[in-house]
Amino acid sequence: QPLMAHLGVTATCRASFGLYNTTAEVDSLVEALELCHELFS
């Protein structure tokens, strides 16, 4: 959390990818993150 405090960031999101993930799953994550960004910015 020291880095987050230094950057003034209050929340983070972490995603893990593996060989089994599909491009559709990655696209879905990107869409969800874009929606979150719109809602919270």
PDB file of N, CA and C in Angstrom:
ATOM      1  N   GLN A   1       0.773  -1.207   0.000  1.00  0.00           N
ATOM      2  CA  GLN A   1       0.000   0.000   0.000  1.00  0.00           C
ATOM      3  C   GLN A   1       0.823   1.286   0.000  1.00  0.00           C
ATOM      4  N   PRO A   2       2.100   1.256   0.351  1.00  0.00           N
ATOM      5  CA  PRO A   2       2.858   2.503   0.288  1.00  0.00           C
ATOM      6  C   PRO A   2       2.878   3.105  -1.124  1.00  0.00           C
ATOM      7  N   LEU A   3       3.007   2.276  -2.138  1.00  0.00           N
ATOM      8  CA  LEU A   3       3.010   2.798  -3.506  1.00  0.00           C
ATOM      9  C   LEU A   3       1.659   3.408  -3.854  1.00  0.00           C
ATOM     10  N   MET A   4       0.583   2.732  -3.462  1.00  0.00           N
ATOM     11  CA  MET A   4      -0.756   3.262  -3.730  1.00  0.00           C
ATOM     12  C   MET A   4      -0.944   4.611  -3.049  1.00  0.00           C
ATOM     13  N   ALA A   5      -0.501   4.719  -1.813  1.00  0.00           N
ATOM     14  CA  ALA A   5      -0.611   5.987  -1.087  1.00  0.00           C
ATOM     15  C   ALA A   5       0.210   7.072  -1.776  1.00  0.00           C
ATOM     16  N   HIS A   6       1.407   6.721  -2.209  1.00  0.00           N
ATOM     17  CA  HIS A   6       2.274   7.677  -2.889  1.00  0.00           C
ATOM     18  C   HIS A   6       1.642   8.172  -4.186  1.00  0.00           C
ATOM     19  N   LEU A   7       0.975   7.273  -4.915  1.00  0.00           N
ATOM     20  CA  LEU A   7       0.348   7.631  -6.188  1.00  0.00           C
ATOM     21  C   LEU A   7      -1.046   8.216  -6.016  1.00  0.00           C
ATOM     22  N   GLY A   8      -1.578   8.172  -4.798  1.00  0.00           N
ATOM     23  CA  GLY A   8      -2.917   8.684  -4.550  1.00  0.00           C
ATOM     24  C   GLY A   8      -4.010   7.781  -5.089  1.00  0.00           C
ATOM     25  N   VAL A   9      -3.720   6.494  -5.159  1.00  0.00           N
ATOM     26  CA  VAL A   9      -4.669   5.512  -5.686  1.00  0.00           C
ATOM     27  C   VAL A   9      -5.400   4.864  -4.518  1.00  0.00           C
ATOM     28  N   THR A  10      -6.734   4.783  -4.608  1.00  0.00           N
ATOM     29  CA  THR A  10      -7.507   4.203  -3.513  1.00  0.00           C
ATOM     30  C   THR A  10      -7.940   2.770  -3.777  1.00  0.00           C
ATOM     31  N   ALA A  11      -7.870   2.323  -5.038  1.00  0.00           N
ATOM     32  CA  ALA A  11      -8.298   0.959  -5.362  1.00  0.00           C
ATOM     33  C   ALA A  11      -7.509   0.448  -6.559  1.00  0.00           C
ATOM     34  N   THR A  12      -7.381  -0.853  -6.630  1.00  0.00           N
ATOM     35  CA  THR A  12      -6.702  -1.473  -7.764  1.00  0.00           C
ATOM     36  C   THR A  12      -7.503  -2.679  -8.235  1.00  0.00           C
ATOM     37  N   CYS A  13      -7.135  -3.161  -9.396  1.00  0.00           N
ATOM     38  CA  CYS A  13      -7.754  -4.360  -9.955  1.00  0.00           C
ATOM     39  C   CYS A  13      -6.627  -5.246 -10.469  1.00  0.00           C
ATOM     40  N   ARG A  14      -6.722  -6.514 -10.178  1.00  0.00           N
ATOM     41  CA  ARG A  14      -5.682  -7.444 -10.612  1.00  0.00           C
ATOM     42  C   ARG A  14      -6.328  -8.586 -11.375  1.00  0.00           C
ATOM     43  N   ALA A  15      -5.796  -8.873 -12.536  1.00  0.00           N
ATOM     44  CA  ALA A  15      -6.302  -9.973 -13.352  1.00  0.00           C
ATOM     45  C   ALA A  15      -5.161 -10.942 -13.621  1.00  0.00           C
ATOM     46  N   SER A  16      -5.480 -12.215 -13.594  1.00  0.00           N
ATOM     47  CA  SER A  16      -4.494 -13.244 -13.903  1.00  0.00           C
ATOM     48  C   SER A  16      -4.923 -13.964 -15.171  1.00  0.00           C
ATOM     49  N   PHE A  17      -3.983 -14.155 -16.054  1.00  0.00           N
ATOM     50  CA  PHE A  17      -4.263 -14.830 -17.315  1.00  0.00           C
ATOM     51  C   PHE A  17      -3.438 -16.100 -17.413  1.00  0.00           C
ATOM     52  N   GLY A  18      -3.981 -17.063 -18.127  1.00  0.00           N
ATOM     53  CA  GLY A  18      -3.275 -18.315 -18.357  1.00  0.00           C
ATOM     54  C   GLY A  18      -3.489 -18.769 -19.784  1.00  0.00           C
ATOM     55  N   LEU A  19      -2.852 -19.845 -20.133  1.00  0.00           N
ATOM     56  CA  LEU A  19      -2.984 -20.373 -21.491  1.00  0.00           C
ATOM     57  C   LEU A  19      -4.411 -20.797 -21.811  1.00  0.00           C
ATOM     58  N   TYR A  20      -5.203 -21.055 -20.783  1.00  0.00           N
ATOM     59  CA  TYR A  20      -6.566 -21.534 -20.972  1.00  0.00           C
ATOM     60  C   TYR A  20      -7.563 -20.404 -21.210  1.00  0.00           C
ATOM     61  N   ASN A  21      -7.175 -19.145 -20.996  1.00  0.00           N
ATOM     62  CA  ASN A  21      -8.100 -18.031 -21.213  1.00  0.00           C
ATOM     63  C   ASN A  21      -8.325 -17.816 -22.707  1.00  0.00           C
ATOM     64  N   THR A  22      -9.566 -17.484 -23.034  1.00  0.00           N
ATOM     65  CA  THR A  22      -9.902 -17.218 -24.431  1.00  0.00           C
ATOM     66  C   THR A  22      -9.870 -15.714 -24.686  1.00  0.00           C
ATOM     67  N   THR A  23      -9.803 -15.353 -25.950  1.00  0.00           N
ATOM     68  CA  THR A  23      -9.839 -13.930 -26.280  1.00  0.00           C
ATOM     69  C   THR A  23     -11.185 -13.327 -25.892  1.00  0.00           C
ATOM     70  N   ALA A  24     -12.251 -14.118 -25.947  1.00  0.00           N
ATOM     71  CA  ALA A  24     -13.572 -13.629 -25.537  1.00  0.00           C
ATOM     72  C   ALA A  24     -13.578 -13.262 -24.055  1.00  0.00           C
ATOM     73  N   GLU A  25     -12.904 -14.049 -23.232  1.00  0.00           N
ATOM     74  CA  GLU A  25     -12.828 -13.745 -21.802  1.00  0.00           C
ATOM     75  C   GLU A  25     -12.037 -12.463 -21.556  1.00  0.00           C
ATOM     76  N   VAL A  26     -10.966 -12.288 -22.288  1.00  0.00           N
ATOM     77  CA  VAL A  26     -10.162 -11.073 -22.150  1.00  0.00           C
ATOM     78  C   VAL A  26     -10.973  -9.861 -22.607  1.00  0.00           C
ATOM     79  N   ASP A  27     -11.685 -10.005 -23.717  1.00  0.00           N
ATOM     80  CA  ASP A  27     -12.532  -8.917 -24.210  1.00  0.00           C
ATOM     81  C   ASP A  27     -13.602  -8.558 -23.185  1.00  0.00           C
ATOM     82  N   SER A  28     -14.176  -9.558 -22.546  1.00  0.00           N
ATOM     83  CA  SER A  28     -15.196  -9.330 -21.524  1.00  0.00           C
ATOM     84  C   SER A  28     -14.615  -8.555 -20.343  1.00  0.00           C
ATOM     85  N   LEU A  29     -13.423  -8.906 -19.927  1.00  0.00           N
ATOM     86  CA  LEU A  29     -12.758  -8.184 -18.838  1.00  0.00           C
ATOM     87  C   LEU A  29     -12.518  -6.732 -19.225  1.00  0.00           C
ATOM     88  N   VAL A  30     -12.034  -6.509 -20.426  1.00  0.00           N
ATOM     89  CA  VAL A  30     -11.765  -5.145 -20.890  1.00  0.00           C
ATOM     90  C   VAL A  30     -13.047  -4.320 -20.894  1.00  0.00           C
ATOM     91  N   GLU A  31     -14.131  -4.892 -21.387  1.00  0.00           N
ATOM     92  CA  GLU A  31     -15.414  -4.181 -21.396  1.00  0.00           C
ATOM     93  C   GLU A  31     -15.861  -3.830 -19.979  1.00  0.00           C
ATOM     94  N   ALA A  32     -15.716  -4.770 -19.062  1.00  0.00           N
ATOM     95  CA  ALA A  32     -16.120  -4.526 -17.674  1.00  0.00           C
ATOM     96  C   ALA A  32     -15.262  -3.436 -17.039  1.00  0.00           C
ATOM     97  N   LEU A  33     -13.969  -3.449 -17.311  1.00  0.00           N
ATOM     98  CA  LEU A  33     -13.088  -2.423 -16.750  1.00  0.00           C
ATOM     99  C   LEU A  33     -13.396  -1.050 -17.337  1.00  0.00           C
ATOM    100  N   GLU A  34     -13.720  -1.007 -18.625  1.00  0.00           N
ATOM    101  CA  GLU A  34     -14.085   0.268 -19.242  1.00  0.00           C
ATOM    102  C   GLU A  34     -15.362   0.821 -18.615  1.00  0.00           C
ATOM    103  N   LEU A  35     -16.331  -0.041 -18.350  1.00  0.00           N
ATOM    104  CA  LEU A  35     -17.568   0.389 -17.702  1.00  0.00           C
ATOM    105  C   LEU A  35     -17.281   0.909 -16.293  1.00  0.00           C
ATOM    106  N   CYS A  36     -16.460   0.201 -15.555  1.00  0.00           N
ATOM    107  CA  CYS A  36     -16.082   0.658 -14.205  1.00  0.00           C
ATOM    108  C   CYS A  36     -15.404   2.019 -14.269  1.00  0.00           C
ATOM    109  N   HIS A  37     -14.538   2.193 -15.233  1.00  0.00           N
ATOM    110  CA  HIS A  37     -13.838   3.473 -15.379  1.00  0.00           C
ATOM    111  C   HIS A  37     -14.829   4.597 -15.652  1.00  0.00           C
ATOM    112  N   GLU A  38     -15.810   4.345 -16.517  1.00  0.00           N
ATOM    113  CA  GLU A  38     -16.831   5.355 -16.807  1.00  0.00           C
ATOM    114  C   GLU A  38     -17.652   5.682 -15.559  1.00  0.00           C
ATOM    115  N   LEU A  39     -18.018   4.662 -14.805  1.00  0.00           N
ATOM    116  CA  LEU A  39     -18.871   4.868 -13.639  1.00  0.00           C
ATOM    117  C   LEU A  39     -18.163   5.595 -12.498  1.00  0.00           C
ATOM    118  N   PHE A  40     -16.881   5.330 -12.325  1.00  0.00           N
ATOM    119  CA  PHE A  40     -16.176   5.846 -11.156  1.00  0.00           C
ATOM    120  C   PHE A  40     -15.251   7.024 -11.438  1.00  0.00           C
ATOM    121  N   SER A  41     -15.199   7.491 -12.691  1.00  0.00           N
ATOM    122  CA  SER A  41     -14.323   8.643 -12.938  1.00  0.00           C
ATOM    123  C   SER A  41     -15.105   9.913 -13.110  1.00  0.00           C
TER     124      SER A  41
END
